[in-house]
Amino acid sequence: MYAKVFLVGVILSVLAFPMAVYAMDPGEVYLYHPSAEYNDEEYDEYDGYEEVQTTFITTARLNLRPTPCTSQDSIMLVNAGRRVEVTDFRDGVWFAVYYNGNHGYMYAEFLRELSESSGQTIAGQVELIEWNAARNIIPRNTPITIVDVRTGLTWQMISFSHGNHADIVTATAEDTAIMRQAFGGSWTWTPRPVLVLAGGRTIAASLSGMPHAGDGGVHNNNMNGHVCLHFLNSRTHNGNRSHERDHQNAVREAYNTASHW
């Protein structure tokens, strides 16, 4: 008798259980269904890409945008030759970047990697090229990127004359400030080893830091005159052998040490 009563009680409890569940607050009911698929369209803020932090160089003037699209106004315009930290590669079309205290997005096509850990230079293999050949690669009156090998500082310059070497000026006042910083804060004839990024190539060179003579028609850049950019076996205008030797030593330093910089 007691067994029958107990069995009836169990059956009634089982039948009543669904009603107890549905009577709960719906927010507390969690259902698992093996066939349910995860829909990531609802999670645009984080797409699951692995976070990275790699230094890239801008190869053109780029907008830093608040979102990975062109529909919103840019945060700021970043000149070519600037270092930015890429924090998310996303889909490869837009990179999430950090620059000058700002987080945003840049179009990936115009960013070139600068990987110090892998020993790779900005545009790949550094080339040691004779000036007679380099003069046909370096464009005139068009901004090119200069990279100081010893500090990694980058800025834009414009070559306007190709004689025994290239006569060159900074593109903007901001570029002049960066160049002056690379030279220790003051102008000097003592050359520095640099890399020149032009035509998709990276060429070892030597740059003097003493503005003189004409400016090639480039004004408002806070540089009074121009400076000299030398390549392998280039010459000075006055035949100064000592100065030529200093430049050639700097060219070879740029070539020999760039792969470790």
Protein backbone atom coordinates (compact mmCIF):
# COMPACT_ATOMS: atom_id res chain seq x y z
CA MET A 1 0.00 0.00 0.00
CA TYR A 2 2.73 2.40 1.04
CA ALA A 3 4.70 1.42 -2.04
CA LYS A 4 1.81 2.37 -4.32
CA VAL A 5 1.42 5.75 -2.58
CA PHE A 6 5.18 6.43 -2.95
CA LEU A 7 5.11 5.50 -6.65
CA VAL A 8 2.13 7.76 -7.30
CA GLY A 9 3.94 10.61 -5.56
CA VAL A 10 7.02 10.19 -7.71
CA ILE A 11 4.95 10.15 -10.90
CA LEU A 12 3.10 13.31 -9.88
CA SER A 13 6.40 15.06 -9.06
CA VAL A 14 7.84 14.23 -12.48
CA LEU A 15 4.73 15.47 -14.24
CA ALA A 16 4.75 18.67 -12.22
CA PHE A 17 8.47 19.45 -12.89
CA PRO A 18 7.99 21.15 -16.30
CA MET A 19 5.42 23.48 -14.78
CA ALA A 20 7.90 24.41 -12.08
CA VAL A 21 10.56 25.20 -14.70
CA TYR A 22 8.28 27.35 -16.83
CA ALA A 23 7.15 29.17 -13.72
CA MET A 24 10.74 30.39 -13.16
CA ASP A 25 11.93 33.79 -14.31
CA PRO A 26 12.80 33.32 -18.04
CA GLY A 27 16.04 35.17 -17.44
CA GLU A 28 17.21 32.36 -15.18
CA VAL A 29 16.49 29.54 -17.62
CA TYR A 30 19.51 28.50 -19.73
CA LEU A 31 18.94 25.96 -22.48
CA TYR A 32 21.65 24.04 -24.30
CA HIS A 33 20.98 22.77 -27.77
CA PRO A 34 23.78 20.87 -29.55
CA SER A 35 22.65 22.08 -32.98
CA ALA A 36 22.67 25.76 -32.05
CA GLU A 37 25.24 27.76 -34.10
CA TYR A 38 27.25 30.71 -32.82
CA ASN A 39 26.43 33.90 -34.69
CA ASP A 40 29.30 36.36 -34.51
CA GLU A 41 27.46 39.09 -36.40
CA GLU A 42 26.21 40.38 -33.06
CA TYR A 43 29.76 40.91 -31.81
CA ASP A 44 31.25 43.52 -34.11
CA GLU A 45 33.26 45.12 -31.34
CA TYR A 46 35.63 42.14 -31.10
CA ASP A 47 35.99 39.80 -34.02
CA GLY A 48 38.20 37.27 -32.31
CA TYR A 49 41.44 38.30 -34.03
CA GLU A 50 44.60 37.67 -32.10
CA GLU A 51 45.97 40.84 -30.52
CA VAL A 52 49.39 41.85 -31.84
CA GLN A 53 51.73 44.82 -31.58
CA THR A 54 53.95 45.26 -34.62
CA THR A 55 55.56 48.42 -35.94
CA PHE A 56 54.59 49.51 -39.44
CA ILE A 57 55.53 52.50 -41.60
CA THR A 58 52.99 54.59 -43.48
CA THR A 59 53.94 54.72 -47.18
CA ALA A 60 51.49 57.51 -48.02
CA ARG A 61 49.49 60.18 -46.21
CA LEU A 62 46.78 58.17 -44.46
CA ASN A 63 43.65 58.94 -42.50
CA LEU A 64 43.44 57.47 -39.03
CA ARG A 65 39.74 56.59 -38.81
CA PRO A 66 37.58 55.71 -35.80
CA THR A 67 36.09 52.68 -37.58
CA PRO A 68 37.35 50.39 -40.38
CA CYS A 69 35.49 52.27 -43.12
CA THR A 70 35.47 55.64 -44.88
CA SER A 71 31.96 56.70 -43.88
CA GLN A 72 33.08 58.61 -40.77
CA ASP A 73 35.38 61.62 -40.46
CA SER A 74 39.00 60.77 -39.77
CA ILE A 75 40.61 61.31 -36.38
CA MET A 76 43.72 62.79 -37.98
CA LEU A 77 45.83 62.74 -41.14
CA VAL A 78 49.19 60.95 -40.73
CA ASN A 79 52.06 61.81 -43.05
CA ALA A 80 54.01 59.19 -44.99
CA GLY A 81 57.01 57.69 -43.26
CA ARG A 82 55.48 57.66 -39.78
CA ARG A 83 55.73 54.72 -37.38
CA VAL A 84 52.42 53.25 -36.20
CA GLU A 85 51.78 50.27 -33.95
CA VAL A 86 49.43 47.71 -35.49
CA THR A 87 47.40 46.02 -32.75
CA ASP A 88 44.94 44.01 -34.87
CA PHE A 89 45.31 42.74 -38.44
CA ARG A 90 41.55 42.15 -38.74
CA ASP A 91 40.67 40.99 -42.27
CA GLY A 92 43.84 42.34 -43.87
CA VAL A 93 42.05 45.25 -45.52
CA TRP A 94 41.99 47.51 -42.46
CA PHE A 95 44.49 47.37 -39.58
CA ALA A 96 43.73 48.56 -36.06
CA VAL A 97 46.58 50.90 -35.12
CA TYR A 98 47.87 53.11 -32.33
CA TYR A 99 49.56 56.40 -33.25
CA ASN A 100 50.48 59.46 -31.22
CA GLY A 101 48.10 58.62 -28.38
CA ASN A 102 45.20 57.71 -30.68
CA HIS A 103 43.59 54.36 -31.46
CA GLY A 104 41.96 53.90 -34.84
CA TYR A 105 42.09 52.14 -38.20
CA MET A 106 44.23 52.54 -41.31
CA TYR A 107 44.00 51.07 -44.79
CA ALA A 108 46.44 48.15 -44.79
CA GLU A 109 47.60 48.55 -48.39
CA PHE A 110 49.62 51.64 -47.45
CA LEU A 111 51.30 50.21 -44.36
CA ARG A 112 54.66 48.46 -44.58
CA GLU A 113 56.03 46.31 -41.78
CA LEU A 114 59.12 47.23 -39.79
CA SER A 115 60.03 44.07 -37.88
CA GLU A 116 62.98 44.54 -35.55
CA SER A 117 62.78 41.04 -34.11
CA SER A 118 62.95 39.26 -37.45
CA GLY A 119 65.76 41.42 -38.80
CA GLN A 120 63.70 42.47 -41.82
CA THR A 121 63.91 46.04 -43.01
CA ILE A 122 61.00 48.16 -44.08
CA ALA A 123 60.82 47.22 -47.74
CA GLY A 124 62.63 43.92 -47.60
CA GLN A 125 66.22 43.45 -48.75
CA VAL A 126 68.54 46.45 -48.30
CA GLU A 127 70.42 47.20 -51.50
CA LEU A 128 73.90 48.65 -51.98
CA ILE A 129 73.56 50.48 -55.29
CA GLU A 130 76.00 52.68 -57.21
CA TRP A 131 74.92 56.29 -57.45
CA ASN A 132 74.84 56.12 -61.26
CA ALA A 133 72.06 53.51 -60.93
CA ALA A 134 70.40 54.92 -57.81
CA ARG A 135 69.89 58.32 -59.46
CA ASN A 136 67.42 56.64 -61.84
CA ILE A 137 65.49 55.11 -58.92
CA ILE A 138 65.26 58.17 -56.68
CA PRO A 139 62.46 60.41 -58.03
CA ARG A 140 62.85 64.16 -58.25
CA ASN A 141 60.38 66.56 -56.66
CA THR A 142 58.50 63.68 -55.04
CA PRO A 143 58.58 62.83 -51.30
CA ILE A 144 60.60 59.76 -50.34
CA THR A 145 61.09 58.18 -46.93
CA ILE A 146 64.40 58.45 -45.07
CA VAL A 147 65.12 56.08 -42.17
CA ASP A 148 67.94 56.81 -39.75
CA VAL A 149 69.61 53.44 -39.12
CA ARG A 150 70.93 54.27 -35.65
CA THR A 151 67.70 55.60 -34.16
CA GLY A 152 64.95 54.22 -36.41
CA LEU A 153 63.51 57.72 -36.86
CA THR A 154 61.76 58.24 -40.20
CA TRP A 155 60.83 61.36 -42.13
CA GLN A 156 60.04 62.60 -45.63
CA MET A 157 62.44 64.40 -47.98
CA ILE A 158 62.38 65.67 -51.57
CA SER A 159 65.31 65.37 -53.98
CA PHE A 160 65.51 68.18 -56.54
CA SER A 161 68.97 67.81 -58.12
CA HIS A 162 71.00 64.75 -59.18
CA GLY A 163 74.58 65.78 -59.80
CA ASN A 164 77.55 64.12 -58.11
CA HIS A 165 75.00 63.16 -55.44
CA ALA A 166 71.40 64.06 -54.59
CA ASP A 167 70.58 67.52 -53.26
CA ILE A 168 67.62 67.05 -50.96
CA VAL A 169 65.34 68.94 -48.57
CA THR A 170 62.80 67.99 -45.93
CA ALA A 171 59.19 67.95 -47.08
CA THR A 172 57.65 69.74 -44.07
CA ALA A 173 58.63 71.53 -40.87
CA GLU A 174 57.63 68.40 -38.97
CA ASP A 175 60.08 66.36 -41.05
CA THR A 176 62.82 68.90 -40.31
CA ALA A 177 62.24 68.53 -36.57
CA ILE A 178 62.51 64.74 -36.81
CA MET A 179 65.66 64.92 -38.93
CA ARG A 180 67.25 67.38 -36.52
CA GLN A 181 66.41 65.00 -33.66
CA ALA A 182 68.17 62.16 -35.50
CA PHE A 183 71.28 64.33 -35.80
CA GLY A 184 71.33 64.93 -32.05
CA GLY A 185 69.48 68.23 -31.98
CA SER A 186 71.90 70.33 -34.04
CA TRP A 187 73.02 70.66 -37.65
CA THR A 188 76.36 69.09 -38.58
CA TRP A 189 78.36 68.12 -41.67
CA THR A 190 79.06 64.72 -40.13
CA PRO A 191 76.95 62.26 -42.15
CA ARG A 192 74.64 59.60 -40.79
CA PRO A 193 73.84 56.16 -42.24
CA VAL A 194 70.30 56.07 -43.58
CA LEU A 195 67.97 53.95 -45.68
CA VAL A 196 66.10 55.45 -48.61
CA LEU A 197 62.68 54.02 -49.47
CA ALA A 198 61.83 54.70 -53.11
CA GLY A 199 60.18 52.73 -55.88
CA GLY A 200 59.40 49.85 -53.53
CA ARG A 201 63.11 49.42 -52.75
CA THR A 202 65.34 50.05 -49.73
CA ILE A 203 68.73 51.55 -50.58
CA ALA A 204 71.70 52.19 -48.29
CA ALA A 205 72.75 55.83 -48.23
CA SER A 206 74.45 58.58 -46.24
CA LEU A 207 72.90 61.92 -45.30
CA SER A 208 74.70 65.09 -44.22
CA GLY A 209 73.05 67.32 -41.65
CA MET A 210 74.13 70.84 -42.58
CA PRO A 211 71.66 72.90 -44.64
CA HIS A 212 73.36 75.13 -47.21
CA ALA A 213 72.83 76.90 -50.55
CA GLY A 214 69.44 76.65 -52.33
CA ASP A 215 66.25 74.95 -51.21
CA GLY A 216 65.07 73.64 -54.58
CA GLY A 217 61.87 75.66 -54.35
CA VAL A 218 60.61 73.91 -51.21
CA HIS A 219 59.62 76.51 -48.61
CA ASN A 220 58.03 76.61 -45.14
CA ASN A 221 59.93 73.53 -43.98
CA ASN A 222 62.19 75.30 -41.44
CA MET A 223 65.29 74.25 -43.39
CA ASN A 224 67.47 77.07 -44.67
CA GLY A 225 68.87 75.44 -47.80
CA HIS A 226 69.40 71.78 -48.67
CA VAL A 227 71.53 68.84 -47.50
CA CYS A 228 73.43 66.15 -49.39
CA LEU A 229 72.36 62.55 -49.86
CA HIS A 230 75.12 60.17 -50.95
CA PHE A 231 75.09 56.62 -52.29
CA LEU A 232 77.78 54.09 -53.15
CA ASN A 233 80.64 55.82 -55.05
CA SER A 234 78.91 59.19 -55.23
CA ARG A 235 81.11 62.31 -55.11
CA THR A 236 81.08 65.70 -53.46
CA HIS A 237 80.78 68.83 -55.56
CA ASN A 238 84.21 70.13 -54.53
CA GLY A 239 86.15 66.86 -54.58
CA ASN A 240 86.69 66.75 -50.81
CA ARG A 241 88.15 63.25 -50.42
CA SER A 242 87.82 63.22 -46.63
CA HIS A 243 84.13 64.09 -46.81
CA GLU A 244 83.59 61.51 -49.55
CA ARG A 245 85.26 58.86 -47.39
CA ASP A 246 82.99 59.72 -44.44
CA HIS A 247 79.94 59.37 -46.64
CA GLN A 248 81.07 56.05 -48.10
CA ASN A 249 81.70 54.69 -44.60
CA ALA A 250 78.18 55.74 -43.61
CA VAL A 251 76.70 54.11 -46.73
CA ARG A 252 78.36 50.82 -45.85
CA GLU A 253 77.29 51.10 -42.23
CA ALA A 254 73.69 51.51 -43.39
CA TYR A 255 74.02 48.45 -45.59
CA ASN A 256 75.81 46.26 -43.04
CA THR A 257 73.75 47.06 -39.96
CA ALA A 258 70.26 47.59 -41.37
CA SER A 259 69.43 43.89 -41.24
CA HIS A 260 69.97 43.96 -37.47
CA TRP A 261 68.12 47.20 -36.81
